[in-house]
Amino acid sequence: MSKFKLAANLAFLFTEKPLLERFLAAKASGFVGVELGFPYDVPVEKLVQARDKAHVEIALISMPPGNWDDGDRGLAAIPNRQEEFRESVTTAVQYASALKCKRLHCLAGLLPENCTDSVRAEYEATYIENLRYAADILQQDIFHAQSTDGNLTSFFDANKQFMGHVQVGQVPGRHEPDSHGEVNFPFLFNHLERNGYDAWIGCEYHPKGCTEDGLEWAAPYLKHQQ
């Protein structure tokens, strides 16, 4: 029996349906937990109702990333935008508290192209300042700092990370995490189990087709989680 649990990222999976219907779709497919991308356009009360109706746990919520359409990919490391970051912490904590979510995904942001060492140092100092602020607000281990993404390699990257949460998607293409790409995910899952990993694995990938049709890889893990 797997010690870890799979969570369906509802920003990536079951997108054939409106967001509030994806909770039940995930449950019907065997998931006991879900991740939310940026759910802040939906009143938190409706998200709570959808969670309760589906009887799933909210494993992770991403913090507001700034203005996505203008190119923002997070705020934590961006100089001179500390006030925006603090507002994003407040918003994310409100949603996480209502949804009883213990982990927040903090996007650090993008470095300028061809930046100098001094600019990078400024971004690093801002990142540290903002994470300390967030840690003081949260006061417990619900903060999952993530600075890299499979398709966004220019994210500001922290030098030190801890494994509090895992997200998966196959290379190349960021599709189903089966054994048919560059990463041998069955081996990776076994390795995590052997090393005592018992937290969530977030399914943050783009299905090749209908979400349900591509879940064969997950069947051995999901059957133990009901």
C-alpha atoms as a PDB file:
ATOM      1  CA  MET A   1       0.000   0.000   0.000  1.00  0.00           C
ATOM      2  CA  SER A   2       1.360   3.384  -0.993  1.00  0.00           C
ATOM      3  CA  LYS A   3       2.253   5.714   1.844  1.00  0.00           C
ATOM      4  CA  PHE A   4       1.931   8.807  -0.302  1.00  0.00           C
ATOM      5  CA  LYS A   5      -1.373  10.126  -1.652  1.00  0.00           C
ATOM      6  CA  LEU A   6      -2.143  11.508  -5.102  1.00  0.00           C
ATOM      7  CA  ALA A   7      -3.802  14.900  -5.441  1.00  0.00           C
ATOM      8  CA  ALA A   8      -5.415  16.041  -8.683  1.00  0.00           C
ATOM      9  CA  ASN A   9      -4.374  19.554  -9.634  1.00  0.00           C
ATOM     10  CA  LEU A  10      -7.666  21.050 -10.779  1.00  0.00           C
ATOM     11  CA  ALA A  11      -5.959  23.743 -12.832  1.00  0.00           C
ATOM     12  CA  PHE A  12      -4.588  20.959 -15.074  1.00  0.00           C
ATOM     13  CA  LEU A  13      -6.909  17.968 -14.742  1.00  0.00           C
ATOM     14  CA  PHE A  14     -10.614  17.623 -15.486  1.00  0.00           C
ATOM     15  CA  THR A  15     -10.584  20.966 -17.289  1.00  0.00           C
ATOM     16  CA  GLU A  16     -13.318  19.636 -19.563  1.00  0.00           C
ATOM     17  CA  LYS A  17     -15.603  20.712 -16.701  1.00  0.00           C
ATOM     18  CA  PRO A  18     -16.112  24.009 -14.807  1.00  0.00           C
ATOM     19  CA  LEU A  19     -13.863  24.323 -11.745  1.00  0.00           C
ATOM     20  CA  LEU A  20     -16.531  23.626  -9.155  1.00  0.00           C
ATOM     21  CA  GLU A  21     -17.485  20.387 -10.937  1.00  0.00           C
ATOM     22  CA  ARG A  22     -13.903  19.135 -11.027  1.00  0.00           C
ATOM     23  CA  PHE A  23     -13.951  18.247  -7.322  1.00  0.00           C
ATOM     24  CA  LEU A  24     -16.557  15.528  -7.863  1.00  0.00           C
ATOM     25  CA  ALA A  25     -14.831  14.390 -11.056  1.00  0.00           C
ATOM     26  CA  ALA A  26     -11.575  13.924  -9.142  1.00  0.00           C
ATOM     27  CA  LYS A  27     -13.333  11.985  -6.396  1.00  0.00           C
ATOM     28  CA  ALA A  28     -15.102   9.772  -8.925  1.00  0.00           C
ATOM     29  CA  SER A  29     -11.701   8.919 -10.433  1.00  0.00           C
ATOM     30  CA  GLY A  30     -10.329   7.838  -7.068  1.00  0.00           C
ATOM     31  CA  PHE A  31      -8.532  10.942  -5.808  1.00  0.00           C
ATOM     32  CA  VAL A  32      -8.884  11.798  -2.138  1.00  0.00           C
ATOM     33  CA  GLY A  33      -7.178  15.173  -2.482  1.00  0.00           C
ATOM     34  CA  VAL A  34      -6.939  18.045  -4.930  1.00  0.00           C
ATOM     35  CA  GLU A  35      -4.665  21.001  -5.569  1.00  0.00           C
ATOM     36  CA  LEU A  36      -5.978  24.401  -6.610  1.00  0.00           C
ATOM     37  CA  GLY A  37      -4.116  26.742  -8.937  1.00  0.00           C
ATOM     38  CA  PHE A  38      -5.245  30.322  -8.472  1.00  0.00           C
ATOM     39  CA  PRO A  39      -8.857  29.972  -7.263  1.00  0.00           C
ATOM     40  CA  TYR A  40      -9.326  33.588  -6.218  1.00  0.00           C
ATOM     41  CA  ASP A  41     -11.935  34.432  -8.849  1.00  0.00           C
ATOM     42  CA  VAL A  42     -14.297  32.024  -7.081  1.00  0.00           C
ATOM     43  CA  PRO A  43     -15.818  32.947  -3.699  1.00  0.00           C
ATOM     44  CA  VAL A  44     -14.203  30.764  -1.086  1.00  0.00           C
ATOM     45  CA  GLU A  45     -17.621  29.700   0.229  1.00  0.00           C
ATOM     46  CA  LYS A  46     -18.363  28.000  -3.097  1.00  0.00           C
ATOM     47  CA  LEU A  47     -15.020  26.211  -3.013  1.00  0.00           C
ATOM     48  CA  VAL A  48     -15.739  24.978   0.505  1.00  0.00           C
ATOM     49  CA  GLN A  49     -19.112  23.653  -0.648  1.00  0.00           C
ATOM     50  CA  ALA A  50     -17.529  21.853  -3.601  1.00  0.00           C
ATOM     51  CA  ARG A  51     -14.854  20.334  -1.364  1.00  0.00           C
ATOM     52  CA  ASP A  52     -17.395  19.154   1.207  1.00  0.00           C
ATOM     53  CA  LYS A  53     -19.693  17.716  -1.441  1.00  0.00           C
ATOM     54  CA  ALA A  54     -16.872  15.686  -2.955  1.00  0.00           C
ATOM     55  CA  HIS A  55     -15.318  14.755   0.405  1.00  0.00           C
ATOM     56  CA  VAL A  56     -11.784  15.549  -0.711  1.00  0.00           C
ATOM     57  CA  GLU A  57      -8.909  17.283   1.023  1.00  0.00           C
ATOM     58  CA  ILE A  58      -7.317  20.438  -0.340  1.00  0.00           C
ATOM     59  CA  ALA A  59      -3.644  19.471  -0.476  1.00  0.00           C
ATOM     60  CA  LEU A  60      -2.209  22.684  -1.900  1.00  0.00           C
ATOM     61  CA  ILE A  61      -3.209  26.174  -3.030  1.00  0.00           C
ATOM     62  CA  SER A  62      -1.039  28.456  -5.140  1.00  0.00           C
ATOM     63  CA  MET A  63      -0.670  32.001  -3.892  1.00  0.00           C
ATOM     64  CA  PRO A  64      -1.730  34.870  -6.193  1.00  0.00           C
ATOM     65  CA  PRO A  65       1.037  35.207  -8.811  1.00  0.00           C
ATOM     66  CA  GLY A  66       0.625  38.887  -9.635  1.00  0.00           C
ATOM     67  CA  ASN A  67      -0.703  39.866 -13.062  1.00  0.00           C
ATOM     68  CA  TRP A  68      -0.341  36.667 -15.066  1.00  0.00           C
ATOM     69  CA  ASP A  69      -1.484  38.249 -18.326  1.00  0.00           C
ATOM     70  CA  ASP A  70       1.260  40.871 -18.006  1.00  0.00           C
ATOM     71  CA  GLY A  71       3.911  38.221 -17.506  1.00  0.00           C
ATOM     72  CA  ASP A  72       4.063  37.884 -13.726  1.00  0.00           C
ATOM     73  CA  ARG A  73       4.914  34.416 -12.513  1.00  0.00           C
ATOM     74  CA  GLY A  74       5.019  35.128  -8.807  1.00  0.00           C
ATOM     75  CA  LEU A  75       5.955  38.024  -6.567  1.00  0.00           C
ATOM     76  CA  ALA A  76       8.144  36.693  -3.778  1.00  0.00           C
ATOM     77  CA  ALA A  77      11.503  37.621  -5.326  1.00  0.00           C
ATOM     78  CA  ILE A  78      10.470  40.764  -7.211  1.00  0.00           C
ATOM     79  CA  PRO A  79      12.017  43.954  -5.784  1.00  0.00           C
ATOM     80  CA  ASN A  80       9.789  46.929  -4.991  1.00  0.00           C
ATOM     81  CA  ARG A  81       6.620  44.825  -4.943  1.00  0.00           C
ATOM     82  CA  GLN A  82       6.742  43.715  -1.340  1.00  0.00           C
ATOM     83  CA  GLU A  83       3.397  45.312  -0.520  1.00  0.00           C
ATOM     84  CA  GLU A  84       1.709  43.337  -3.299  1.00  0.00           C
ATOM     85  CA  PHE A  85       3.325  40.177  -1.993  1.00  0.00           C
ATOM     86  CA  ARG A  86       2.040  40.869   1.514  1.00  0.00           C
ATOM     87  CA  GLU A  87      -1.462  41.381   0.159  1.00  0.00           C
ATOM     88  CA  SER A  88      -1.163  38.066  -1.671  1.00  0.00           C
ATOM     89  CA  VAL A  89      -0.193  36.343   1.576  1.00  0.00           C
ATOM     90  CA  THR A  90      -3.284  37.756   3.285  1.00  0.00           C
ATOM     91  CA  THR A  91      -5.552  36.560   0.476  1.00  0.00           C
ATOM     92  CA  ALA A  92      -3.974  33.115   0.301  1.00  0.00           C
ATOM     93  CA  VAL A  93      -4.188  32.612   4.064  1.00  0.00           C
ATOM     94  CA  GLN A  94      -7.878  33.516   4.031  1.00  0.00           C
ATOM     95  CA  TYR A  95      -8.563  30.869   1.397  1.00  0.00           C
ATOM     96  CA  ALA A  96      -6.284  28.282   2.983  1.00  0.00           C
ATOM     97  CA  SER A  97      -7.882  28.761   6.394  1.00  0.00           C
ATOM     98  CA  ALA A  98     -11.416  28.420   5.053  1.00  0.00           C
ATOM     99  CA  LEU A  99     -10.473  25.351   3.014  1.00  0.00           C
ATOM    100  CA  LYS A 100      -8.355  23.805   5.797  1.00  0.00           C
ATOM    101  CA  CYS A 101      -5.382  23.644   3.448  1.00  0.00           C
ATOM    102  CA  LYS A 102      -1.992  23.191   5.101  1.00  0.00           C
ATOM    103  CA  ARG A 103       0.272  24.119   2.193  1.00  0.00           C
ATOM    104  CA  LEU A 104       0.637  27.214   0.060  1.00  0.00           C
ATOM    105  CA  HIS A 105       2.594  27.244  -3.171  1.00  0.00           C
ATOM    106  CA  CYS A 106       4.621  30.447  -3.412  1.00  0.00           C
ATOM    107  CA  LEU A 107       5.827  31.396  -6.892  1.00  0.00           C
ATOM    108  CA  ALA A 108       9.048  33.349  -6.624  1.00  0.00           C
ATOM    109  CA  GLY A 109       8.879  35.181  -9.954  1.00  0.00           C
ATOM    110  CA  LEU A 110      11.091  35.583 -12.989  1.00  0.00           C
ATOM    111  CA  LEU A 111      14.585  36.990 -13.202  1.00  0.00           C
ATOM    112  CA  PRO A 112      15.239  39.546 -15.950  1.00  0.00           C
ATOM    113  CA  GLU A 113      17.088  38.143 -18.935  1.00  0.00           C
ATOM    114  CA  ASN A 114      20.880  38.456 -18.807  1.00  0.00           C
ATOM    115  CA  CYS A 115      20.731  39.999 -15.339  1.00  0.00           C
ATOM    116  CA  THR A 116      23.893  41.003 -13.501  1.00  0.00           C
ATOM    117  CA  ASP A 117      25.121  39.522 -10.252  1.00  0.00           C
ATOM    118  CA  SER A 118      24.012  42.643  -8.392  1.00  0.00           C
ATOM    119  CA  VAL A 119      20.464  42.356  -9.764  1.00  0.00           C
ATOM    120  CA  ARG A 120      20.346  38.684  -8.845  1.00  0.00           C
ATOM    121  CA  ALA A 121      21.520  39.556  -5.339  1.00  0.00           C
ATOM    122  CA  GLU A 122      18.693  42.094  -5.047  1.00  0.00           C
ATOM    123  CA  TYR A 123      16.160  39.455  -6.075  1.00  0.00           C
ATOM    124  CA  GLU A 124      17.608  36.995  -3.579  1.00  0.00           C
ATOM    125  CA  ALA A 125      17.436  39.523  -0.751  1.00  0.00           C
ATOM    126  CA  THR A 126      13.820  40.312  -1.628  1.00  0.00           C
ATOM    127  CA  TYR A 127      12.974  36.613  -1.740  1.00  0.00           C
ATOM    128  CA  ILE A 128      14.428  36.030   1.718  1.00  0.00           C
ATOM    129  CA  GLU A 129      12.668  39.088   3.124  1.00  0.00           C
ATOM    130  CA  ASN A 130       9.299  38.017   1.743  1.00  0.00           C
ATOM    131  CA  LEU A 131       9.590  34.389   2.823  1.00  0.00           C
ATOM    132  CA  ARG A 132      10.451  35.502   6.346  1.00  0.00           C
ATOM    133  CA  TYR A 133       7.384  37.726   6.350  1.00  0.00           C
ATOM    134  CA  ALA A 134       5.183  34.869   5.117  1.00  0.00           C
ATOM    135  CA  ALA A 135       6.651  32.460   7.662  1.00  0.00           C
ATOM    136  CA  ASP A 136       5.894  34.900  10.476  1.00  0.00           C
ATOM    137  CA  ILE A 137       2.303  35.216   9.279  1.00  0.00           C
ATOM    138  CA  LEU A 138       1.718  31.525   8.874  1.00  0.00           C
ATOM    139  CA  GLN A 139       3.469  30.504  12.103  1.00  0.00           C
ATOM    140  CA  GLN A 140       3.302  26.843  11.180  1.00  0.00           C
ATOM    141  CA  ASP A 141       4.420  24.464   8.482  1.00  0.00           C
ATOM    142  CA  ILE A 142       1.832  25.210   5.806  1.00  0.00           C
ATOM    143  CA  PHE A 143       4.205  27.053   3.517  1.00  0.00           C
ATOM    144  CA  HIS A 144       5.572  25.227   0.484  1.00  0.00           C
ATOM    145  CA  ALA A 145       8.076  27.461  -1.291  1.00  0.00           C
ATOM    146  CA  GLN A 146       8.571  26.459  -4.896  1.00  0.00           C
ATOM    147  CA  SER A 147      10.790  28.343  -7.255  1.00  0.00           C
ATOM    148  CA  THR A 148      10.907  26.194 -10.371  1.00  0.00           C
ATOM    149  CA  ASP A 149       8.293  24.868 -12.759  1.00  0.00           C
ATOM    150  CA  GLY A 150       8.673  22.312 -15.525  1.00  0.00           C
ATOM    151  CA  ASN A 151       8.029  24.811 -18.299  1.00  0.00           C
ATOM    152  CA  LEU A 152       9.372  27.963 -16.661  1.00  0.00           C
ATOM    153  CA  THR A 153      13.086  27.416 -16.286  1.00  0.00           C
ATOM    154  CA  SER A 154      13.935  31.085 -15.700  1.00  0.00           C
ATOM    155  CA  PHE A 155      12.263  31.195 -12.304  1.00  0.00           C
ATOM    156  CA  PHE A 156      14.437  32.624  -9.587  1.00  0.00           C
ATOM    157  CA  ASP A 157      15.802  29.515  -7.901  1.00  0.00           C
ATOM    158  CA  ALA A 158      16.547  29.242  -4.212  1.00  0.00           C
ATOM    159  CA  ASN A 159      19.745  27.505  -3.191  1.00  0.00           C
ATOM    160  CA  LYS A 160      18.125  25.480  -0.430  1.00  0.00           C
ATOM    161  CA  GLN A 161      14.899  23.508  -0.719  1.00  0.00           C
ATOM    162  CA  PHE A 162      13.122  20.958   1.398  1.00  0.00           C
ATOM    163  CA  MET A 163      10.830  18.181   0.255  1.00  0.00           C
ATOM    164  CA  GLY A 164       7.448  18.943   1.716  1.00  0.00           C
ATOM    165  CA  HIS A 165       5.455  18.375  -1.458  1.00  0.00           C
ATOM    166  CA  VAL A 166       6.029  16.675  -4.814  1.00  0.00           C
ATOM    167  CA  GLN A 167       4.409  17.475  -8.161  1.00  0.00           C
ATOM    168  CA  VAL A 168       4.779  15.352 -11.275  1.00  0.00           C
ATOM    169  CA  GLY A 169       4.492  15.571 -15.062  1.00  0.00           C
ATOM    170  CA  GLN A 170       6.328  13.630 -17.770  1.00  0.00           C
ATOM    171  CA  VAL A 171       9.194  15.015 -19.842  1.00  0.00           C
ATOM    172  CA  PRO A 172       8.857  16.106 -22.586  1.00  0.00           C
ATOM    173  CA  GLY A 173       5.418  17.663 -22.924  1.00  0.00           C
ATOM    174  CA  ARG A 174       4.426  17.642 -19.263  1.00  0.00           C
ATOM    175  CA  HIS A 175       1.894  14.868 -19.838  1.00  0.00           C
ATOM    176  CA  GLU A 176       0.874  11.819 -17.800  1.00  0.00           C
ATOM    177  CA  PRO A 177       3.676  10.622 -15.466  1.00  0.00           C
ATOM    178  CA  ASP A 178       3.963   7.150 -16.914  1.00  0.00           C
ATOM    179  CA  SER A 179       7.137   5.292 -17.876  1.00  0.00           C
ATOM    180  CA  HIS A 180       7.074   6.293 -21.565  1.00  0.00           C
ATOM    181  CA  GLY A 181       9.089   9.510 -21.338  1.00  0.00           C
ATOM    182  CA  GLU A 182      12.447  10.622 -20.038  1.00  0.00           C
ATOM    183  CA  VAL A 183      11.510  10.109 -16.364  1.00  0.00           C
ATOM    184  CA  ASN A 184      10.839   6.618 -15.025  1.00  0.00           C
ATOM    185  CA  PHE A 185       8.042   7.570 -12.651  1.00  0.00           C
ATOM    186  CA  PRO A 186       7.281   4.061 -11.339  1.00  0.00           C
ATOM    187  CA  PHE A 187      10.914   3.921 -10.217  1.00  0.00           C
ATOM    188  CA  LEU A 188      10.642   7.414  -8.701  1.00  0.00           C
ATOM    189  CA  PHE A 189       7.459   6.535  -6.789  1.00  0.00           C
ATOM    190  CA  ASN A 190       9.073   3.387  -5.436  1.00  0.00           C
ATOM    191  CA  HIS A 191      12.129   5.404  -4.427  1.00  0.00           C
ATOM    192  CA  LEU A 192       9.959   7.891  -2.539  1.00  0.00           C
ATOM    193  CA  GLU A 193       8.192   5.067  -0.735  1.00  0.00           C
ATOM    194  CA  ARG A 194      11.456   3.362   0.211  1.00  0.00           C
ATOM    195  CA  ASN A 195      12.643   6.620   1.724  1.00  0.00           C
ATOM    196  CA  GLY A 196       9.530   7.085   3.804  1.00  0.00           C
ATOM    197  CA  TYR A 197       7.792   9.833   1.821  1.00  0.00           C
ATOM    198  CA  ASP A 198       4.190   9.842   3.041  1.00  0.00           C
ATOM    199  CA  ALA A 199       2.898  13.250   1.906  1.00  0.00           C
ATOM    200  CA  TRP A 200       1.058  14.358  -1.229  1.00  0.00           C
ATOM    201  CA  ILE A 201       2.119  13.912  -4.827  1.00  0.00           C
ATOM    202  CA  GLY A 202       0.394  16.538  -6.923  1.00  0.00           C
ATOM    203  CA  CYS A 203      -0.666  15.545 -10.442  1.00  0.00           C
ATOM    204  CA  GLU A 204       0.190  18.785 -12.222  1.00  0.00           C
ATOM    205  CA  TYR A 205       0.346  17.738 -15.849  1.00  0.00           C
ATOM    206  CA  HIS A 206      -1.451  18.322 -19.136  1.00  0.00           C
ATOM    207  CA  PRO A 207      -3.484  15.244 -20.096  1.00  0.00           C
ATOM    208  CA  LYS A 208      -2.920  14.086 -23.667  1.00  0.00           C
ATOM    209  CA  GLY A 209      -6.681  13.736 -24.066  1.00  0.00           C
ATOM    210  CA  CYS A 210      -9.622  13.360 -21.716  1.00  0.00           C
ATOM    211  CA  THR A 211      -8.339  13.328 -18.127  1.00  0.00           C
ATOM    212  CA  GLU A 212     -10.089  10.088 -17.164  1.00  0.00           C
ATOM    213  CA  ASP A 213      -8.751   8.257 -20.210  1.00  0.00           C
ATOM    214  CA  GLY A 214      -5.179   8.976 -19.148  1.00  0.00           C
ATOM    215  CA  LEU A 215      -5.361   7.771 -15.538  1.00  0.00           C
ATOM    216  CA  GLU A 216      -4.259   4.190 -16.107  1.00  0.00           C
ATOM    217  CA  TRP A 217      -0.830   5.053 -14.686  1.00  0.00           C
ATOM    218  CA  ALA A 218      -2.457   6.152 -11.407  1.00  0.00           C
ATOM    219  CA  ALA A 219      -4.742   3.146 -10.894  1.00  0.00           C
ATOM    220  CA  PRO A 220      -2.320   1.116  -8.719  1.00  0.00           C
ATOM    221  CA  TYR A 221      -1.925   4.057  -6.340  1.00  0.00           C
ATOM    222  CA  LEU A 222      -5.483   5.364  -6.295  1.00  0.00           C
ATOM    223  CA  LYS A 223      -7.071   2.003  -5.453  1.00  0.00           C
ATOM    224  CA  HIS A 224      -5.448   2.090  -2.002  1.00  0.00           C
ATOM    225  CA  GLN A 225      -6.558   5.606  -1.159  1.00  0.00           C
ATOM    226  CA  GLN A 226     -10.333   5.308  -0.902  1.00  0.00           C
END
